[in-house]
């Protein structure tokens, strides 16, 4: 019986000098550093001059006016 009492004390962690169970610390994983690759320098190519194209002017479209419907076609107000 004494053994069980002690065990309880140990679990509850108390005045009678029993220490609480220590939690194990998780080890942190070290991240591996990636090696940087050296970039090769590219040779610059000479650019050819492009000929400029002449822009064509756009013609403006005329808006068509909507024809008004005759009164007879419209819904007459409800009486």
PDB file of N, CA and C in Angstrom:
ATOM      1  N   UNK A   1       0.816  -1.209   0.000  1.00  0.00           N
ATOM      2  CA  UNK A   1       0.000   0.000   0.000  1.00  0.00           C
ATOM      3  C   UNK A   1       0.855   1.267   0.000  1.00  0.00           C
ATOM      4  N   UNK A   2       1.922   1.209   0.767  1.00  0.00           N
ATOM      5  CA  UNK A   2       2.806   2.369   0.837  1.00  0.00           C
ATOM      6  C   UNK A   2       3.351   2.689  -0.565  1.00  0.00           C
ATOM      7  N   UNK A   3       3.719   1.646  -1.262  1.00  0.00           N
ATOM      8  CA  UNK A   3       4.279   1.804  -2.607  1.00  0.00           C
ATOM      9  C   UNK A   3       3.323   2.584  -3.514  1.00  0.00           C
ATOM     10  N   UNK A   4       2.057   2.206  -3.431  1.00  0.00           N
ATOM     11  CA  UNK A   4       1.061   2.870  -4.282  1.00  0.00           C
ATOM     12  C   UNK A   4       0.902   4.335  -3.904  1.00  0.00           C
ATOM     13  N   UNK A   5       0.949   4.590  -2.603  1.00  0.00           N
ATOM     14  CA  UNK A   5       0.803   5.969  -2.131  1.00  0.00           C
ATOM     15  C   UNK A   5       1.941   6.822  -2.674  1.00  0.00           C
ATOM     16  N   UNK A   6       3.128   6.244  -2.595  1.00  0.00           N
ATOM     17  CA  UNK A   6       4.292   6.968  -3.083  1.00  0.00           C
ATOM     18  C   UNK A   6       4.167   7.244  -4.569  1.00  0.00           C
ATOM     19  N   UNK A   7       3.686   6.192  -5.285  1.00  0.00           N
ATOM     20  CA  UNK A   7       3.554   6.321  -6.737  1.00  0.00           C
ATOM     21  C   UNK A   7       2.596   7.452  -7.068  1.00  0.00           C
ATOM     22  N   UNK A   8       1.529   7.526  -6.315  1.00  0.00           N
ATOM     23  CA  UNK A   8       0.557   8.590  -6.531  1.00  0.00           C
ATOM     24  C   UNK A   8       1.192   9.947  -6.301  1.00  0.00           C
ATOM     25  N   UNK A   9       1.965  10.024  -5.225  1.00  0.00           N
ATOM     26  CA  UNK A   9       2.638  11.283  -4.926  1.00  0.00           C
ATOM     27  C   UNK A   9       3.567  11.687  -6.070  1.00  0.00           C
ATOM     28  N   UNK A  10       4.264  10.662  -6.584  1.00  0.00           N
ATOM     29  CA  UNK A  10       5.213  10.939  -7.649  1.00  0.00           C
ATOM     30  C   UNK A  10       4.470  11.475  -8.884  1.00  0.00           C
ATOM     31  N   UNK A  11       3.325  10.869  -9.179  1.00  0.00           N
ATOM     32  CA  UNK A  11       2.563  11.284 -10.356  1.00  0.00           C
ATOM     33  C   UNK A  11       2.020  12.699 -10.168  1.00  0.00           C
ATOM     34  N   UNK A  12       1.476  12.961  -8.957  1.00  0.00           N
ATOM     35  CA  UNK A  12       0.884  14.274  -8.727  1.00  0.00           C
ATOM     36  C   UNK A  12       1.949  15.334  -8.476  1.00  0.00           C
ATOM     37  N   UNK A  13       3.155  14.915  -8.169  1.00  0.00           N
ATOM     38  CA  UNK A  13       4.287  15.805  -7.972  1.00  0.00           C
ATOM     39  C   UNK A  13       4.061  16.716  -6.778  1.00  0.00           C
ATOM     40  N   UNK A  14       4.651  16.397  -5.615  1.00  0.00           N
ATOM     41  CA  UNK A  14       4.163  17.056  -4.402  1.00  0.00           C
ATOM     42  C   UNK A  14       5.245  17.501  -3.451  1.00  0.00           C
ATOM     43  N   UNK A  15       4.767  17.844  -2.240  1.00  0.00           N
ATOM     44  CA  UNK A  15       5.616  18.420  -1.211  1.00  0.00           C
ATOM     45  C   UNK A  15       6.649  17.431  -0.701  1.00  0.00           C
ATOM     46  N   UNK A  16       6.363  16.124  -0.820  1.00  0.00           N
ATOM     47  CA  UNK A  16       7.209  15.189  -0.129  1.00  0.00           C
ATOM     48  C   UNK A  16       8.500  14.857  -0.902  1.00  0.00           C
ATOM     49  N   UNK A  17       8.984  15.862  -1.619  1.00  0.00           N
ATOM     50  CA  UNK A  17      10.300  15.703  -2.234  1.00  0.00           C
ATOM     51  C   UNK A  17      10.311  14.893  -3.523  1.00  0.00           C
ATOM     52  N   UNK A  18       9.167  14.418  -3.954  1.00  0.00           N
ATOM     53  CA  UNK A  18       9.150  13.709  -5.230  1.00  0.00           C
ATOM     54  C   UNK A  18       9.127  14.736  -6.332  1.00  0.00           C
ATOM     55  N   UNK A  19       9.977  14.517  -7.287  1.00  0.00           N
ATOM     56  CA  UNK A  19      10.031  15.486  -8.381  1.00  0.00           C
ATOM     57  C   UNK A  19       9.054  15.071  -9.463  1.00  0.00           C
ATOM     58  N   UNK A  20       8.553  16.088 -10.152  1.00  0.00           N
ATOM     59  CA  UNK A  20       7.679  15.806 -11.278  1.00  0.00           C
ATOM     60  C   UNK A  20       8.519  15.234 -12.408  1.00  0.00           C
ATOM     61  N   UNK A  21       7.870  14.421 -13.225  1.00  0.00           N
ATOM     62  CA  UNK A  21       8.594  13.855 -14.347  1.00  0.00           C
ATOM     63  C   UNK A  21       8.970  14.975 -15.305  1.00  0.00           C
ATOM     64  N   UNK A  22      10.209  14.943 -15.729  1.00  0.00           N
ATOM     65  CA  UNK A  22      10.673  15.966 -16.660  1.00  0.00           C
ATOM     66  C   UNK A  22      10.254  15.590 -18.074  1.00  0.00           C
ATOM     67  N   UNK A  23       9.840  16.594 -18.798  1.00  0.00           N
ATOM     68  CA  UNK A  23       9.477  16.344 -20.193  1.00  0.00           C
ATOM     69  C   UNK A  23      10.742  16.329 -21.015  1.00  0.00           C
ATOM     70  N   UNK A  24      10.791  15.383 -21.939  1.00  0.00           N
ATOM     71  CA  UNK A  24      11.963  15.313 -22.799  1.00  0.00           C
ATOM     72  C   UNK A  24      11.885  16.427 -23.838  1.00  0.00           C
ATOM     73  N   UNK A  25      13.010  17.061 -24.042  1.00  0.00           N
ATOM     74  CA  UNK A  25      13.055  18.125 -25.041  1.00  0.00           C
ATOM     75  C   UNK A  25      13.255  17.509 -26.415  1.00  0.00           C
ATOM     76  N   UNK A  26      12.501  18.025 -27.356  1.00  0.00           N
ATOM     77  CA  UNK A  26      12.654  17.533 -28.724  1.00  0.00           C
ATOM     78  C   UNK A  26      13.873  18.183 -29.345  1.00  0.00           C
ATOM     79  N   UNK A  27      14.637  17.361 -30.034  1.00  0.00           N
ATOM     80  CA  UNK A  27      15.823  17.894 -30.705  1.00  0.00           C
ATOM     81  C   UNK A  27      15.403  18.566 -31.995  1.00  0.00           C
ATOM     82  N   UNK A  28      15.954  19.748 -32.206  1.00  0.00           N
ATOM     83  CA  UNK A  28      15.647  20.454 -33.443  1.00  0.00           C
ATOM     84  C   UNK A  28      16.570  19.953 -34.542  1.00  0.00           C
ATOM     85  N   UNK A  29      15.968  19.723 -35.708  1.00  0.00           N
ATOM     86  CA  UNK A  29      16.776  19.270 -36.838  1.00  0.00           C
ATOM     87  C   UNK A  29      17.480  20.461 -37.457  1.00  0.00           C
ATOM     88  N   UNK A  30      18.739  20.242 -37.760  1.00  0.00           N
ATOM     89  CA  UNK A  30      19.496  21.316 -38.397  1.00  0.00           C
ATOM     90  C   UNK A  30      19.207  21.322 -39.887  1.00  0.00           C
ATOM     91  N   UNK A  31      18.993  22.520 -40.396  1.00  0.00           N
ATOM     92  CA  UNK A  31      18.734  22.644 -41.828  1.00  0.00           C
ATOM     93  C   UNK A  31      20.049  22.664 -42.572  1.00  0.00           C
ATOM     94  N   UNK A  32      20.084  21.913 -43.658  1.00  0.00           N
ATOM     95  CA  UNK A  32      21.295  21.902 -44.466  1.00  0.00           C
ATOM     96  C   UNK A  32      21.321  23.129 -45.359  1.00  0.00           C
ATOM     97  N   UNK A  33      22.465  23.732 -45.445  1.00  0.00           N
ATOM     98  CA  UNK A  33      22.601  24.907 -46.311  1.00  0.00           C
ATOM     99  C   UNK A  33      22.862  24.444 -47.738  1.00  0.00           C
ATOM    100  N   UNK A  34      22.124  25.083 -48.638  1.00  0.00           N
ATOM    101  CA  UNK A  34      22.305  24.739 -50.045  1.00  0.00           C
ATOM    102  C   UNK A  34      23.479  25.521 -50.605  1.00  0.00           C
ATOM    103  N   UNK A  35      24.263  24.819 -51.407  1.00  0.00           N
ATOM    104  CA  UNK A  35      25.387  25.489 -52.039  1.00  0.00           C
ATOM    105  C   UNK A  35      24.894  26.258 -53.263  1.00  0.00           C
ATOM    106  N   UNK A  36      25.369  27.474 -53.378  1.00  0.00           N
ATOM    107  CA  UNK A  36      24.969  28.289 -54.524  1.00  0.00           C
ATOM    108  C   UNK A  36      25.837  27.943 -55.718  1.00  0.00           C
ATOM    109  N   UNK A  37      25.145  27.770 -56.854  1.00  0.00           N
ATOM    110  CA  UNK A  37      25.882  27.492 -58.074  1.00  0.00           C
ATOM    111  C   UNK A  37      26.323  28.800 -58.708  1.00  0.00           C
ATOM    112  N   UNK A  38      27.526  28.777 -59.252  1.00  0.00           N
ATOM    113  CA  UNK A  38      28.016  29.979 -59.916  1.00  0.00           C
ATOM    114  C   UNK A  38      27.408  30.064 -61.306  1.00  0.00           C
ATOM    115  N   UNK A  39      26.921  31.250 -61.612  1.00  0.00           N
ATOM    116  CA  UNK A  39      26.299  31.452 -62.922  1.00  0.00           C
ATOM    117  C   UNK A  39      27.370  31.791 -63.949  1.00  0.00           C
ATOM    118  N   UNK A  40      27.200  31.173 -65.132  1.00  0.00           N
ATOM    119  CA  UNK A  40      28.121  31.483 -66.219  1.00  0.00           C
ATOM    120  C   UNK A  40      27.666  32.768 -66.889  1.00  0.00           C
ATOM    121  N   UNK A  41      28.624  33.593 -67.240  1.00  0.00           N
ATOM    122  CA  UNK A  41      28.294  34.854 -67.899  1.00  0.00           C
ATOM    123  C   UNK A  41      28.003  34.595 -69.372  1.00  0.00           C
ATOM    124  N   UNK A  42      26.896  35.162 -69.816  1.00  0.00           N
ATOM    125  CA  UNK A  42      26.523  35.001 -71.216  1.00  0.00           C
ATOM    126  C   UNK A  42      27.122  36.129 -72.037  1.00  0.00           C
ATOM    127  N   UNK A  43      27.490  35.760 -73.261  1.00  0.00           N
ATOM    128  CA  UNK A  43      28.018  36.783 -74.163  1.00  0.00           C
ATOM    129  C   UNK A  43      26.853  37.563 -74.734  1.00  0.00           C
ATOM    130  N   UNK A  44      27.007  38.864 -74.778  1.00  0.00           N
ATOM    131  CA  UNK A  44      25.948  39.714 -75.293  1.00  0.00           C
ATOM    132  C   UNK A  44      25.977  39.731 -76.816  1.00  0.00           C
ATOM    133  N   UNK A  45      24.774  39.543 -77.384  1.00  0.00           N
ATOM    134  CA  UNK A  45      24.660  39.606 -78.832  1.00  0.00           C
ATOM    135  C   UNK A  45      24.316  41.022 -79.232  1.00  0.00           C
ATOM    136  N   UNK A  46      24.829  41.433 -80.391  1.00  0.00           N
ATOM    137  CA  UNK A  46      24.509  42.773 -80.880  1.00  0.00           C
ATOM    138  C   UNK A  46      23.108  42.758 -81.449  1.00  0.00           C
ATOM    139  N   UNK A  47      22.318  43.761 -81.043  1.00  0.00           N
ATOM    140  CA  UNK A  47      20.945  43.833 -81.500  1.00  0.00           C
ATOM    141  C   UNK A  47      20.867  44.532 -82.847  1.00  0.00           C
ATOM    142  N   UNK A  48      19.994  43.955 -83.707  1.00  0.00           N
ATOM    143  CA  UNK A  48      19.759  44.597 -84.994  1.00  0.00           C
ATOM    144  C   UNK A  48      18.713  45.672 -84.825  1.00  0.00           C
ATOM    145  N   UNK A  49      18.875  46.753 -85.533  1.00  0.00           N
ATOM    146  CA  UNK A  49      17.907  47.841 -85.432  1.00  0.00           C
ATOM    147  C   UNK A  49      16.662  47.467 -86.225  1.00  0.00           C
ATOM    148  N   UNK A  50      15.520  47.661 -85.575  1.00  0.00           N
ATOM    149  CA  UNK A  50      14.260  47.351 -86.242  1.00  0.00           C
ATOM    150  C   UNK A  50      13.744  48.584 -86.965  1.00  0.00           C
ATOM    151  N   UNK A  51      13.130  48.315 -88.124  1.00  0.00           N
ATOM    152  CA  UNK A  51      12.525  49.415 -88.872  1.00  0.00           C
ATOM    153  C   UNK A  51      11.183  49.737 -88.265  1.00  0.00           C
ATOM    154  N   UNK A  52      10.909  51.014 -88.123  1.00  0.00           N
ATOM    155  CA  UNK A  52       9.644  51.423 -87.529  1.00  0.00           C
ATOM    156  C   UNK A  52       8.539  51.344 -88.568  1.00  0.00           C
ATOM    157  N   UNK A  53       7.419  50.763 -88.146  1.00  0.00           N
ATOM    158  CA  UNK A  53       6.269  50.673 -89.033  1.00  0.00           C
ATOM    159  C   UNK A  53       5.392  51.894 -88.829  1.00  0.00           C
ATOM    160  N   UNK A  54       4.821  52.352 -89.935  1.00  0.00           N
ATOM    161  CA  UNK A  54       3.932  53.507 -89.846  1.00  0.00           C
ATOM    162  C   UNK A  54       2.582  53.037 -89.331  1.00  0.00           C
ATOM    163  N   UNK A  55       2.043  53.797 -88.393  1.00  0.00           N
ATOM    164  CA  UNK A  55       0.749  53.445 -87.817  1.00  0.00           C
ATOM    165  C   UNK A  55      -0.366  53.935 -88.711  1.00  0.00           C
ATOM    166  N   UNK A  56      -1.352  53.061 -88.891  1.00  0.00           N
ATOM    167  CA  UNK A  56      -2.524  53.450 -89.671  1.00  0.00           C
ATOM    168  C   UNK A  56      -3.514  54.119 -88.750  1.00  0.00           C
ATOM    169  N   UNK A  57      -4.140  55.167 -89.281  1.00  0.00           N
ATOM    170  CA  UNK A  57      -5.132  55.859 -88.471  1.00  0.00           C
ATOM    171  C   UNK A  57      -6.425  55.071 -88.505  1.00  0.00           C
ATOM    172  N   UNK A  58      -7.014  54.939 -87.331  1.00  0.00           N
ATOM    173  CA  UNK A  58      -8.276  54.216 -87.250  1.00  0.00           C
ATOM    174  C   UNK A  58      -9.424  55.164 -87.548  1.00  0.00           C
ATOM    175  N   UNK A  59     -10.383  54.649 -88.316  1.00  0.00           N
ATOM    176  CA  UNK A  59     -11.561  55.454 -88.610  1.00  0.00           C
ATOM    177  C   UNK A  59     -12.550  55.314 -87.471  1.00  0.00           C
ATOM    178  N   UNK A  60     -13.127  56.442 -87.078  1.00  0.00           N
ATOM    179  CA  UNK A  60     -14.106  56.405 -85.998  1.00  0.00           C
ATOM    180  C   UNK A  60     -15.439  55.934 -86.548  1.00  0.00           C
ATOM    181  N   UNK A  61     -16.057  55.025 -85.817  1.00  0.00           N
ATOM    182  CA  UNK A  61     -17.358  54.524 -86.231  1.00  0.00           C
ATOM    183  C   UNK A  61     -18.434  55.463 -85.717  1.00  0.00           C
ATOM    184  N   UNK A  62     -19.404  55.728 -86.587  1.00  0.00           N
ATOM    185  CA  UNK A  62     -20.514  56.590 -86.176  1.00  0.00           C
ATOM    186  C   UNK A  62     -21.530  55.742 -85.439  1.00  0.00           C
ATOM    187  N   UNK A  63     -22.006  56.298 -84.342  1.00  0.00           N
ATOM    188  CA  UNK A  63     -22.999  55.574 -83.569  1.00  0.00           C
ATOM    189  C   UNK A  63     -24.357  55.738 -84.221  1.00  0.00           C
ATOM    190  N   UNK A  64     -25.065  54.608 -84.304  1.00  0.00           N
ATOM    191  CA  UNK A  64     -26.404  54.664 -84.887  1.00  0.00           C
ATOM    192  C   UNK A  64     -27.388  55.104 -83.824  1.00  0.00           C
ATOM    193  N   UNK A  65     -28.265  55.999 -84.216  1.00  0.00           N
ATOM    194  CA  UNK A  65     -29.290  56.468 -83.274  1.00  0.00           C
ATOM    195  C   UNK A  65     -30.418  55.465 -83.255  1.00  0.00           C
ATOM    196  N   UNK A  66     -30.890  55.179 -82.042  1.00  0.00           N
ATOM    197  CA  UNK A  66     -32.000  54.244 -81.911  1.00  0.00           C
ATOM    198  C   UNK A  66     -33.284  54.941 -82.312  1.00  0.00           C
ATOM    199  N   UNK A  67     -34.076  54.238 -83.085  1.00  0.00           N
ATOM    200  CA  UNK A  67     -35.357  54.799 -83.493  1.00  0.00           C
ATOM    201  C   UNK A  67     -36.346  54.641 -82.357  1.00  0.00           C
ATOM    202  N   UNK A  68     -37.089  55.711 -82.124  1.00  0.00           N
ATOM    203  CA  UNK A  68     -38.086  55.648 -81.055  1.00  0.00           C
ATOM    204  C   UNK A  68     -39.269  54.830 -81.532  1.00  0.00           C
ATOM    205  N   UNK A  69     -39.770  53.983 -80.649  1.00  0.00           N
ATOM    206  CA  UNK A  69     -40.925  53.159 -80.994  1.00  0.00           C
ATOM    207  C   UNK A  69     -42.175  54.025 -80.982  1.00  0.00           C
ATOM    208  N   UNK A  70     -43.076  53.737 -81.889  1.00  0.00           N
ATOM    209  CA  UNK A  70     -44.335  54.488 -81.842  1.00  0.00           C
ATOM    210  C   UNK A  70     -45.089  54.182 -80.539  1.00  0.00           C
ATOM    211  N   UNK A  71     -45.900  55.141 -80.136  1.00  0.00           N
ATOM    212  CA  UNK A  71     -46.584  55.053 -78.844  1.00  0.00           C
ATOM    213  C   UNK A  71     -47.438  53.783 -78.739  1.00  0.00           C
ATOM    214  N   UNK A  72     -48.045  53.375 -79.811  1.00  0.00           N
ATOM    215  CA  UNK A  72     -48.910  52.190 -79.788  1.00  0.00           C
ATOM    216  C   UNK A  72     -48.146  50.922 -79.397  1.00  0.00           C
ATOM    217  N   UNK A  73     -46.856  50.847 -79.722  1.00  0.00           N
ATOM    218  CA  UNK A  73     -46.057  49.662 -79.407  1.00  0.00           C
ATOM    219  C   UNK A  73     -45.730  49.600 -77.911  1.00  0.00           C
ATOM    220  N   UNK A  74     -45.584  50.760 -77.326  1.00  0.00           N
ATOM    221  CA  UNK A  74     -45.250  50.793 -75.897  1.00  0.00           C
ATOM    222  C   UNK A  74     -46.428  50.315 -75.075  1.00  0.00           C
ATOM    223  N   UNK A  75     -46.117  49.806 -73.897  1.00  0.00           N
ATOM    224  CA  UNK A  75     -47.193  49.337 -73.026  1.00  0.00           C
ATOM    225  C   UNK A  75     -47.973  50.529 -72.491  1.00  0.00           C
ATOM    226  N   UNK A  76     -49.263  50.427 -72.645  1.00  0.00           N
ATOM    227  CA  UNK A  76     -50.095  51.529 -72.154  1.00  0.00           C
ATOM    228  C   UNK A  76     -50.206  51.425 -70.637  1.00  0.00           C
ATOM    229  N   UNK A  77     -50.278  52.588 -69.967  1.00  0.00           N
ATOM    230  CA  UNK A  77     -50.392  52.534 -68.499  1.00  0.00           C
ATOM    231  C   UNK A  77     -51.655  51.805 -68.073  1.00  0.00           C
ATOM    232  N   UNK A  78     -51.511  51.022 -67.000  1.00  0.00           N
ATOM    233  CA  UNK A  78     -52.653  50.237 -66.531  1.00  0.00           C
ATOM    234  C   UNK A  78     -53.686  51.151 -65.885  1.00  0.00           C
ATOM    235  N   UNK A  79     -54.929  50.870 -66.246  1.00  0.00           N
ATOM    236  CA  UNK A  79     -55.998  51.726 -65.698  1.00  0.00           C
ATOM    237  C   UNK A  79     -56.610  51.094 -64.460  1.00  0.00           C
TER     238      UNK A  79
END
